[in-house]
């Protein structure tokens, strides 16, 4: 988050970067509680794996949403999707 905040001083850009950072923090806390609940064997029923999925999906959606907004504000912003594509191309080139 600190790295992204160095690239652009636009207030909207900074707000979206902070929203994504907060989302990461909330997801880590929620997953920690989820794992702790599994260790303590709280809520051990058939729907327990779905709970983990419901913790991750909002973060994935929010991350993509924030990336689109950042790209609109700063045309030079590199999205997660662009990074993924570049990594795949680099792996193919090394073979």
PDB file of N, CA and C in Angstrom:
ATOM      1  N   UNK A   1       0.821  -1.173   0.000  1.00  0.00           N
ATOM      2  CA  UNK A   1       0.000   0.000   0.000  1.00  0.00           C
ATOM      3  C   UNK A   1       0.879   1.256   0.000  1.00  0.00           C
ATOM      4  N   UNK A   2       1.913   1.261   0.803  1.00  0.00           N
ATOM      5  CA  UNK A   2       2.802   2.417   0.842  1.00  0.00           C
ATOM      6  C   UNK A   2       3.474   2.654  -0.507  1.00  0.00           C
ATOM      7  N   UNK A   3       3.817   1.575  -1.175  1.00  0.00           N
ATOM      8  CA  UNK A   3       4.452   1.694  -2.486  1.00  0.00           C
ATOM      9  C   UNK A   3       3.511   2.363  -3.479  1.00  0.00           C
ATOM     10  N   UNK A   4       2.254   1.923  -3.527  1.00  0.00           N
ATOM     11  CA  UNK A   4       1.297   2.518  -4.458  1.00  0.00           C
ATOM     12  C   UNK A   4       1.030   3.981  -4.129  1.00  0.00           C
ATOM     13  N   UNK A   5       1.025   4.339  -2.853  1.00  0.00           N
ATOM     14  CA  UNK A   5       0.754   5.722  -2.477  1.00  0.00           C
ATOM     15  C   UNK A   5       1.854   6.676  -2.936  1.00  0.00           C
ATOM     16  N   UNK A   6       3.033   6.166  -3.216  1.00  0.00           N
ATOM     17  CA  UNK A   6       4.137   7.005  -3.682  1.00  0.00           C
ATOM     18  C   UNK A   6       3.983   7.421  -5.142  1.00  0.00           C
ATOM     19  N   UNK A   7       3.200   6.673  -5.911  1.00  0.00           N
ATOM     20  CA  UNK A   7       3.123   6.912  -7.348  1.00  0.00           C
ATOM     21  C   UNK A   7       2.185   8.034  -7.744  1.00  0.00           C
ATOM     22  N   UNK A   8       1.191   8.315  -6.944  1.00  0.00           N
ATOM     23  CA  UNK A   8       0.191   9.287  -7.348  1.00  0.00           C
ATOM     24  C   UNK A   8      -0.305  10.027  -6.114  1.00  0.00           C
ATOM     25  N   UNK A   9      -0.374  11.347  -6.202  1.00  0.00           N
ATOM     26  CA  UNK A   9      -0.826  12.140  -5.063  1.00  0.00           C
ATOM     27  C   UNK A   9      -2.304  12.512  -5.159  1.00  0.00           C
ATOM     28  N   UNK A  10      -2.983  12.033  -6.192  1.00  0.00           N
ATOM     29  CA  UNK A  10      -4.409  12.295  -6.364  1.00  0.00           C
ATOM     30  C   UNK A  10      -5.175  11.722  -5.167  1.00  0.00           C
ATOM     31  N   UNK A  11      -6.078  12.523  -4.611  1.00  0.00           N
ATOM     32  CA  UNK A  11      -6.820  12.111  -3.413  1.00  0.00           C
ATOM     33  C   UNK A  11      -7.685  10.880  -3.670  1.00  0.00           C
ATOM     34  N   UNK A  12      -8.335  10.807  -4.822  1.00  0.00           N
ATOM     35  CA  UNK A  12      -9.171   9.637  -5.142  1.00  0.00           C
ATOM     36  C   UNK A  12      -8.306   8.382  -5.274  1.00  0.00           C
ATOM     37  N   UNK A  13      -7.151   8.513  -5.898  1.00  0.00           N
ATOM     38  CA  UNK A  13      -6.228   7.387  -6.047  1.00  0.00           C
ATOM     39  C   UNK A  13      -5.816   6.874  -4.673  1.00  0.00           C
ATOM     40  N   UNK A  14      -5.456   7.794  -3.783  1.00  0.00           N
ATOM     41  CA  UNK A  14      -5.022   7.432  -2.439  1.00  0.00           C
ATOM     42  C   UNK A  14      -6.154   6.738  -1.675  1.00  0.00           C
ATOM     43  N   UNK A  15      -7.377   7.236  -1.830  1.00  0.00           N
ATOM     44  CA  UNK A  15      -8.526   6.650  -1.141  1.00  0.00           C
ATOM     45  C   UNK A  15      -8.761   5.207  -1.597  1.00  0.00           C
ATOM     46  N   UNK A  16      -8.684   4.957  -2.903  1.00  0.00           N
ATOM     47  CA  UNK A  16      -8.890   3.593  -3.404  1.00  0.00           C
ATOM     48  C   UNK A  16      -7.778   2.646  -2.954  1.00  0.00           C
ATOM     49  N   UNK A  17      -6.551   3.138  -2.916  1.00  0.00           N
ATOM     50  CA  UNK A  17      -5.445   2.304  -2.430  1.00  0.00           C
ATOM     51  C   UNK A  17      -5.670   1.960  -0.959  1.00  0.00           C
ATOM     52  N   UNK A  18      -6.139   2.929  -0.177  1.00  0.00           N
ATOM     53  CA  UNK A  18      -6.407   2.665   1.234  1.00  0.00           C
ATOM     54  C   UNK A  18      -7.581   1.715   1.409  1.00  0.00           C
ATOM     55  N   UNK A  19      -8.582   1.800   0.556  1.00  0.00           N
ATOM     56  CA  UNK A  19      -9.717   0.867   0.607  1.00  0.00           C
ATOM     57  C   UNK A  19      -9.223  -0.555   0.366  1.00  0.00           C
ATOM     58  N   UNK A  20      -8.357  -0.725  -0.636  1.00  0.00           N
ATOM     59  CA  UNK A  20      -7.837  -2.065  -0.915  1.00  0.00           C
ATOM     60  C   UNK A  20      -6.986  -2.576   0.242  1.00  0.00           C
ATOM     61  N   UNK A  21      -6.174  -1.698   0.836  1.00  0.00           N
ATOM     62  CA  UNK A  21      -5.371  -2.100   1.995  1.00  0.00           C
ATOM     63  C   UNK A  21      -6.244  -2.526   3.167  1.00  0.00           C
ATOM     64  N   UNK A  22      -7.312  -1.786   3.396  1.00  0.00           N
ATOM     65  CA  UNK A  22      -8.263  -2.151   4.458  1.00  0.00           C
ATOM     66  C   UNK A  22      -8.944  -3.484   4.172  1.00  0.00           C
ATOM     67  N   UNK A  23      -9.262  -3.717   2.898  1.00  0.00           N
ATOM     68  CA  UNK A  23      -9.870  -4.991   2.508  1.00  0.00           C
ATOM     69  C   UNK A  23      -8.934  -6.162   2.759  1.00  0.00           C
ATOM     70  N   UNK A  24      -7.653  -5.973   2.467  1.00  0.00           N
ATOM     71  CA  UNK A  24      -6.663  -7.017   2.726  1.00  0.00           C
ATOM     72  C   UNK A  24      -6.591  -7.302   4.224  1.00  0.00           C
ATOM     73  N   UNK A  25      -6.553  -6.247   5.021  1.00  0.00           N
ATOM     74  CA  UNK A  25      -6.485  -6.414   6.472  1.00  0.00           C
ATOM     75  C   UNK A  25      -7.720  -7.147   7.005  1.00  0.00           C
ATOM     76  N   UNK A  26      -8.895  -6.739   6.557  1.00  0.00           N
ATOM     77  CA  UNK A  26     -10.122  -7.411   7.000  1.00  0.00           C
ATOM     78  C   UNK A  26     -10.160  -8.873   6.574  1.00  0.00           C
ATOM     79  N   UNK A  27      -9.684  -9.156   5.379  1.00  0.00           N
ATOM     80  CA  UNK A  27      -9.662 -10.538   4.898  1.00  0.00           C
ATOM     81  C   UNK A  27      -8.709 -11.389   5.732  1.00  0.00           C
ATOM     82  N   UNK A  28      -7.545 -10.844   6.062  1.00  0.00           N
ATOM     83  CA  UNK A  28      -6.585 -11.589   6.886  1.00  0.00           C
ATOM     84  C   UNK A  28      -7.179 -11.868   8.267  1.00  0.00           C
ATOM     85  N   UNK A  29      -7.835 -10.873   8.851  1.00  0.00           N
ATOM     86  CA  UNK A  29      -8.456 -11.064  10.167  1.00  0.00           C
ATOM     87  C   UNK A  29      -9.564 -12.107  10.080  1.00  0.00           C
ATOM     88  N   UNK A  30     -10.410 -12.007   9.055  1.00  0.00           N
ATOM     89  CA  UNK A  30     -11.509 -12.968   8.903  1.00  0.00           C
ATOM     90  C   UNK A  30     -10.983 -14.381   8.690  1.00  0.00           C
ATOM     91  N   UNK A  31      -9.945 -14.532   7.870  1.00  0.00           N
ATOM     92  CA  UNK A  31      -9.383 -15.866   7.652  1.00  0.00           C
ATOM     93  C   UNK A  31      -8.713 -16.404   8.911  1.00  0.00           C
ATOM     94  N   UNK A  32      -8.098 -15.530   9.689  1.00  0.00           N
ATOM     95  CA  UNK A  32      -7.501 -15.962  10.950  1.00  0.00           C
ATOM     96  C   UNK A  32      -8.569 -16.483  11.902  1.00  0.00           C
ATOM     97  N   UNK A  33      -9.676 -15.755  11.981  1.00  0.00           N
ATOM     98  CA  UNK A  33     -10.786 -16.224  12.821  1.00  0.00           C
ATOM     99  C   UNK A  33     -11.373 -17.527  12.294  1.00  0.00           C
ATOM    100  N   UNK A  34     -11.436 -17.642  10.976  1.00  0.00           N
ATOM    101  CA  UNK A  34     -11.947 -18.862  10.347  1.00  0.00           C
ATOM    102  C   UNK A  34     -11.068 -20.063  10.697  1.00  0.00           C
ATOM    103  N   UNK A  35      -9.749 -19.895  10.580  1.00  0.00           N
ATOM    104  CA  UNK A  35      -8.818 -20.974  10.901  1.00  0.00           C
ATOM    105  C   UNK A  35      -8.878 -21.288  12.394  1.00  0.00           C
ATOM    106  N   UNK A  36      -8.930 -20.247  13.216  1.00  0.00           N
ATOM    107  CA  UNK A  36      -9.035 -20.449  14.658  1.00  0.00           C
ATOM    108  C   UNK A  36     -10.305 -21.227  14.996  1.00  0.00           C
ATOM    109  N   UNK A  37     -11.408 -20.887  14.344  1.00  0.00           N
ATOM    110  CA  UNK A  37     -12.660 -21.624  14.544  1.00  0.00           C
ATOM    111  C   UNK A  37     -12.525 -23.074  14.134  1.00  0.00           C
ATOM    112  N   UNK A  38     -11.765 -23.332  13.081  1.00  0.00           N
ATOM    113  CA  UNK A  38     -11.546 -24.716  12.654  1.00  0.00           C
ATOM    114  C   UNK A  38     -10.698 -25.484  13.647  1.00  0.00           C
ATOM    115  N   UNK A  39      -9.692 -24.820  14.201  1.00  0.00           N
ATOM    116  CA  UNK A  39      -8.840 -25.465  15.201  1.00  0.00           C
ATOM    117  C   UNK A  39      -9.633 -25.742  16.470  1.00  0.00           C
ATOM    118  N   UNK A  40     -10.463 -24.799  16.862  1.00  0.00           N
ATOM    119  CA  UNK A  40     -11.267 -24.958  18.073  1.00  0.00           C
ATOM    120  C   UNK A  40     -12.522 -25.796  17.804  1.00  0.00           C
ATOM    121  N   UNK A  41     -12.734 -26.150  16.565  1.00  0.00           N
ATOM    122  CA  UNK A  41     -13.855 -26.976  16.116  1.00  0.00           C
ATOM    123  C   UNK A  41     -15.209 -26.348  16.439  1.00  0.00           C
ATOM    124  N   UNK A  42     -15.286 -25.059  16.172  1.00  0.00           N
ATOM    125  CA  UNK A  42     -16.542 -24.334  16.298  1.00  0.00           C
ATOM    126  C   UNK A  42     -17.208 -24.349  14.924  1.00  0.00           C
ATOM    127  N   UNK A  43     -18.480 -24.565  14.870  1.00  0.00           N
ATOM    128  CA  UNK A  43     -19.238 -24.564  13.612  1.00  0.00           C
ATOM    129  C   UNK A  43     -18.763 -25.642  12.644  1.00  0.00           C
ATOM    130  N   UNK A  44     -18.457 -26.813  13.116  1.00  0.00           N
ATOM    131  CA  UNK A  44     -18.032 -27.897  12.234  1.00  0.00           C
ATOM    132  C   UNK A  44     -19.275 -28.576  11.655  1.00  0.00           C
ATOM    133  N   UNK A  45     -19.699 -28.108  10.522  1.00  0.00           N
ATOM    134  CA  UNK A  45     -20.826 -28.728   9.836  1.00  0.00           C
ATOM    135  C   UNK A  45     -20.541 -28.754   8.341  1.00  0.00           C
ATOM    136  N   UNK A  46     -21.504 -29.180   7.576  1.00  0.00           N
ATOM    137  CA  UNK A  46     -21.304 -29.377   6.138  1.00  0.00           C
ATOM    138  C   UNK A  46     -21.050 -28.052   5.408  1.00  0.00           C
ATOM    139  N   UNK A  47     -21.516 -26.928   5.949  1.00  0.00           N
ATOM    140  CA  UNK A  47     -21.378 -25.634   5.278  1.00  0.00           C
ATOM    141  C   UNK A  47     -20.078 -24.914   5.653  1.00  0.00           C
ATOM    142  N   UNK A  48     -19.254 -25.495   6.500  1.00  0.00           N
ATOM    143  CA  UNK A  48     -18.042 -24.825   6.951  1.00  0.00           C
ATOM    144  C   UNK A  48     -17.096 -24.458   5.806  1.00  0.00           C
ATOM    145  N   UNK A  49     -16.844 -25.329   4.828  1.00  0.00           N
ATOM    146  CA  UNK A  49     -15.987 -24.923   3.698  1.00  0.00           C
ATOM    147  C   UNK A  49     -16.557 -23.749   2.899  1.00  0.00           C
ATOM    148  N   UNK A  50     -17.857 -23.644   2.834  1.00  0.00           N
ATOM    149  CA  UNK A  50     -18.469 -22.528   2.115  1.00  0.00           C
ATOM    150  C   UNK A  50     -18.207 -21.208   2.823  1.00  0.00           C
ATOM    151  N   UNK A  51     -18.080 -21.255   4.136  1.00  0.00           N
ATOM    152  CA  UNK A  51     -17.788 -20.044   4.889  1.00  0.00           C
ATOM    153  C   UNK A  51     -16.437 -19.464   4.476  1.00  0.00           C
ATOM    154  N   UNK A  52     -15.436 -20.307   4.293  1.00  0.00           N
ATOM    155  CA  UNK A  52     -14.129 -19.851   3.822  1.00  0.00           C
ATOM    156  C   UNK A  52     -14.218 -19.197   2.457  1.00  0.00           C
ATOM    157  N   UNK A  53     -15.023 -19.777   1.581  1.00  0.00           N
ATOM    158  CA  UNK A  53     -15.222 -19.210   0.248  1.00  0.00           C
ATOM    159  C   UNK A  53     -15.901 -17.847   0.337  1.00  0.00           C
ATOM    160  N   UNK A  54     -16.862 -17.728   1.233  1.00  0.00           N
ATOM    161  CA  UNK A  54     -17.568 -16.460   1.384  1.00  0.00           C
ATOM    162  C   UNK A  54     -16.681 -15.372   1.997  1.00  0.00           C
ATOM    163  N   UNK A  55     -15.601 -15.768   2.633  1.00  0.00           N
ATOM    164  CA  UNK A  55     -14.655 -14.783   3.145  1.00  0.00           C
ATOM    165  C   UNK A  55     -13.768 -14.272   2.014  1.00  0.00           C
ATOM    166  N   UNK A  56     -13.359 -15.154   1.109  1.00  0.00           N
ATOM    167  CA  UNK A  56     -12.417 -14.799   0.039  1.00  0.00           C
ATOM    168  C   UNK A  56     -13.093 -14.055  -1.116  1.00  0.00           C
ATOM    169  N   UNK A  57     -14.272 -14.470  -1.524  1.00  0.00           N
ATOM    170  CA  UNK A  57     -14.911 -13.896  -2.714  1.00  0.00           C
ATOM    171  C   UNK A  57     -15.107 -12.381  -2.667  1.00  0.00           C
ATOM    172  N   UNK A  58     -15.575 -11.798  -1.561  1.00  0.00           N
ATOM    173  CA  UNK A  58     -15.711 -10.327  -1.558  1.00  0.00           C
ATOM    174  C   UNK A  58     -14.375  -9.617  -1.755  1.00  0.00           C
ATOM    175  N   UNK A  59     -13.291 -10.175  -1.205  1.00  0.00           N
ATOM    176  CA  UNK A  59     -11.985  -9.545  -1.394  1.00  0.00           C
ATOM    177  C   UNK A  59     -11.567  -9.602  -2.860  1.00  0.00           C
ATOM    178  N   UNK A  60     -11.782 -10.727  -3.513  1.00  0.00           N
ATOM    179  CA  UNK A  60     -11.405 -10.857  -4.925  1.00  0.00           C
ATOM    180  C   UNK A  60     -12.189  -9.857  -5.771  1.00  0.00           C
ATOM    181  N   UNK A  61     -13.493  -9.754  -5.517  1.00  0.00           N
ATOM    182  CA  UNK A  61     -14.316  -8.798  -6.260  1.00  0.00           C
ATOM    183  C   UNK A  61     -13.863  -7.368  -5.985  1.00  0.00           C
ATOM    184  N   UNK A  62     -13.640  -7.041  -4.700  1.00  0.00           N
ATOM    185  CA  UNK A  62     -13.251  -5.688  -4.338  1.00  0.00           C
ATOM    186  C   UNK A  62     -11.901  -5.321  -4.948  1.00  0.00           C
ATOM    187  N   UNK A  63     -10.977  -6.251  -4.962  1.00  0.00           N
ATOM    188  CA  UNK A  63      -9.656  -6.000  -5.521  1.00  0.00           C
ATOM    189  C   UNK A  63      -9.754  -5.674  -7.010  1.00  0.00           C
ATOM    190  N   UNK A  64     -10.555  -6.432  -7.748  1.00  0.00           N
ATOM    191  CA  UNK A  64     -10.745  -6.164  -9.178  1.00  0.00           C
ATOM    192  C   UNK A  64     -11.437  -4.814  -9.387  1.00  0.00           C
ATOM    193  N   UNK A  65     -12.406  -4.502  -8.543  1.00  0.00           N
ATOM    194  CA  UNK A  65     -13.131  -3.233  -8.642  1.00  0.00           C
ATOM    195  C   UNK A  65     -12.193  -2.052  -8.403  1.00  0.00           C
ATOM    196  N   UNK A  66     -11.365  -2.163  -7.361  1.00  0.00           N
ATOM    197  CA  UNK A  66     -10.410  -1.097  -7.047  1.00  0.00           C
ATOM    198  C   UNK A  66      -9.392  -0.947  -8.182  1.00  0.00           C
ATOM    199  N   UNK A  67      -8.927  -2.071  -8.744  1.00  0.00           N
ATOM    200  CA  UNK A  67      -7.979  -2.006  -9.861  1.00  0.00           C
ATOM    201  C   UNK A  67      -8.567  -1.232 -11.044  1.00  0.00           C
ATOM    202  N   UNK A  68      -9.843  -1.506 -11.363  1.00  0.00           N
ATOM    203  CA  UNK A  68     -10.488  -0.782 -12.464  1.00  0.00           C
ATOM    204  C   UNK A  68     -10.568   0.710 -12.172  1.00  0.00           C
ATOM    205  N   UNK A  69     -10.906   1.061 -10.936  1.00  0.00           N
ATOM    206  CA  UNK A  69     -11.007   2.478 -10.560  1.00  0.00           C
ATOM    207  C   UNK A  69      -9.634   3.157 -10.619  1.00  0.00           C
ATOM    208  N   UNK A  70      -8.599   2.473 -10.152  1.00  0.00           N
ATOM    209  CA  UNK A  70      -7.261   3.045 -10.196  1.00  0.00           C
ATOM    210  C   UNK A  70      -6.792   3.241 -11.632  1.00  0.00           C
ATOM    211  N   UNK A  71      -7.150   2.306 -12.508  1.00  0.00           N
ATOM    212  CA  UNK A  71      -6.780   2.427 -13.926  1.00  0.00           C
ATOM    213  C   UNK A  71      -7.479   3.625 -14.569  1.00  0.00           C
ATOM    214  N   UNK A  72      -8.726   3.900 -14.148  1.00  0.00           N
ATOM    215  CA  UNK A  72      -9.442   5.061 -14.672  1.00  0.00           C
ATOM    216  C   UNK A  72      -8.782   6.365 -14.234  1.00  0.00           C
ATOM    217  N   UNK A  73      -8.304   6.388 -13.001  1.00  0.00           N
ATOM    218  CA  UNK A  73      -7.681   7.601 -12.460  1.00  0.00           C
ATOM    219  C   UNK A  73      -6.290   7.800 -13.039  1.00  0.00           C
ATOM    220  N   UNK A  74      -5.507   6.710 -13.094  1.00  0.00           N
ATOM    221  CA  UNK A  74      -4.116   6.779 -13.553  1.00  0.00           C
ATOM    222  C   UNK A  74      -3.924   5.761 -14.664  1.00  0.00           C
ATOM    223  N   UNK A  75      -3.768   6.230 -15.887  1.00  0.00           N
ATOM    224  CA  UNK A  75      -3.665   5.312 -17.027  1.00  0.00           C
ATOM    225  C   UNK A  75      -2.399   4.465 -16.984  1.00  0.00           C
ATOM    226  N   UNK A  76      -1.404   4.858 -16.193  1.00  0.00           N
ATOM    227  CA  UNK A  76      -0.165   4.092 -16.093  1.00  0.00           C
ATOM    228  C   UNK A  76      -0.188   3.066 -14.954  1.00  0.00           C
ATOM    229  N   UNK A  77      -1.310   2.999 -14.231  1.00  0.00           N
ATOM    230  CA  UNK A  77      -1.423   2.024 -13.145  1.00  0.00           C
ATOM    231  C   UNK A  77      -1.392   0.608 -13.717  1.00  0.00           C
ATOM    232  N   UNK A  78      -0.622  -0.254 -13.092  1.00  0.00           N
ATOM    233  CA  UNK A  78      -0.517  -1.649 -13.532  1.00  0.00           C
ATOM    234  C   UNK A  78      -1.461  -2.489 -12.676  1.00  0.00           C
ATOM    235  N   UNK A  79      -2.428  -3.131 -13.327  1.00  0.00           N
ATOM    236  CA  UNK A  79      -3.407  -3.932 -12.594  1.00  0.00           C
ATOM    237  C   UNK A  79      -2.856  -5.319 -12.304  1.00  0.00           C
ATOM    238  N   UNK A  80      -3.541  -6.020 -11.398  1.00  0.00           N
ATOM    239  CA  UNK A  80      -3.138  -7.389 -11.058  1.00  0.00           C
ATOM    240  C   UNK A  80      -3.234  -8.299 -12.293  1.00  0.00           C
ATOM    241  N   UNK A  81      -4.238  -8.079 -13.119  1.00  0.00           N
ATOM    242  CA  UNK A  81      -4.416  -8.891 -14.321  1.00  0.00           C
ATOM    243  C   UNK A  81      -3.241  -8.693 -15.286  1.00  0.00           C
ATOM    244  N   UNK A  82      -2.789  -7.472 -15.444  1.00  0.00           N
ATOM    245  CA  UNK A  82      -1.648  -7.207 -16.319  1.00  0.00           C
ATOM    246  C   UNK A  82      -0.372  -7.852 -15.770  1.00  0.00           C
ATOM    247  N   UNK A  83      -0.196  -7.820 -14.459  1.00  0.00           N
ATOM    248  CA  UNK A  83       0.961  -8.486 -13.847  1.00  0.00           C
ATOM    249  C   UNK A  83       0.927  -9.990 -14.092  1.00  0.00           C
ATOM    250  N   UNK A  84      -0.265 -10.579 -13.946  1.00  0.00           N
ATOM    251  CA  UNK A  84      -0.425 -12.022 -14.175  1.00  0.00           C
ATOM    252  C   UNK A  84      -0.061 -12.390 -15.613  1.00  0.00           C
ATOM    253  N   UNK A  85      -0.552 -11.604 -16.564  1.00  0.00           N
ATOM    254  CA  UNK A  85      -0.250 -11.878 -17.966  1.00  0.00           C
ATOM    255  C   UNK A  85       1.247 -11.801 -18.231  1.00  0.00           C
ATOM    256  N   UNK A  86       1.897 -10.789 -17.668  1.00  0.00           N
ATOM    257  CA  UNK A  86       3.334 -10.625 -17.873  1.00  0.00           C
ATOM    258  C   UNK A  86       4.111 -11.787 -17.268  1.00  0.00           C
ATOM    259  N   UNK A  87       3.718 -12.247 -16.091  1.00  0.00           N
ATOM    260  CA  UNK A  87       4.398 -13.388 -15.466  1.00  0.00           C
ATOM    261  C   UNK A  87       4.247 -14.648 -16.307  1.00  0.00           C
ATOM    262  N   UNK A  88       3.048 -14.855 -16.865  1.00  0.00           N
ATOM    263  CA  UNK A  88       2.839 -16.027 -17.737  1.00  0.00           C
ATOM    264  C   UNK A  88       3.727 -15.955 -18.963  1.00  0.00           C
ATOM    265  N   UNK A  89       3.815 -14.774 -19.557  1.00  0.00           N
ATOM    266  CA  UNK A  89       4.669 -14.614 -20.738  1.00  0.00           C
ATOM    267  C   UNK A  89       6.131 -14.866 -20.394  1.00  0.00           C
ATOM    268  N   UNK A  90       6.562 -14.425 -19.230  1.00  0.00           N
ATOM    269  CA  UNK A  90       7.947 -14.649 -18.814  1.00  0.00           C
ATOM    270  C   UNK A  90       8.222 -16.135 -18.587  1.00  0.00           C
ATOM    271  N   UNK A  91       7.235 -16.861 -18.015  1.00  0.00           N
ATOM    272  CA  UNK A  91       7.416 -18.300 -17.795  1.00  0.00           C
ATOM    273  C   UNK A  91       7.493 -19.044 -19.118  1.00  0.00           C
ATOM    274  N   UNK A  92       6.675 -18.653 -20.079  1.00  0.00           N
ATOM    275  CA  UNK A  92       6.686 -19.294 -21.384  1.00  0.00           C
ATOM    276  C   UNK A  92       8.005 -19.014 -22.084  1.00  0.00           C
ATOM    277  N   UNK A  93       8.537 -17.821 -21.929  1.00  0.00           N
ATOM    278  CA  UNK A  93       9.801 -17.448 -22.563  1.00  0.00           C
ATOM    279  C   UNK A  93      10.979 -18.185 -21.979  1.00  0.00           C
ATOM    280  N   UNK A  94      10.920 -18.608 -20.731  1.00  0.00           N
ATOM    281  CA  UNK A  94      12.023 -19.308 -20.089  1.00  0.00           C
ATOM    282  C   UNK A  94      12.094 -20.782 -20.470  1.00  0.00           C
ATOM    283  N   UNK A  95      11.013 -21.318 -21.002  1.00  0.00           N
ATOM    284  CA  UNK A  95      10.980 -22.747 -21.349  1.00  0.00           C
ATOM    285  C   UNK A  95      11.785 -23.056 -22.549  1.00  0.00           C
TER     286      UNK A  95
END
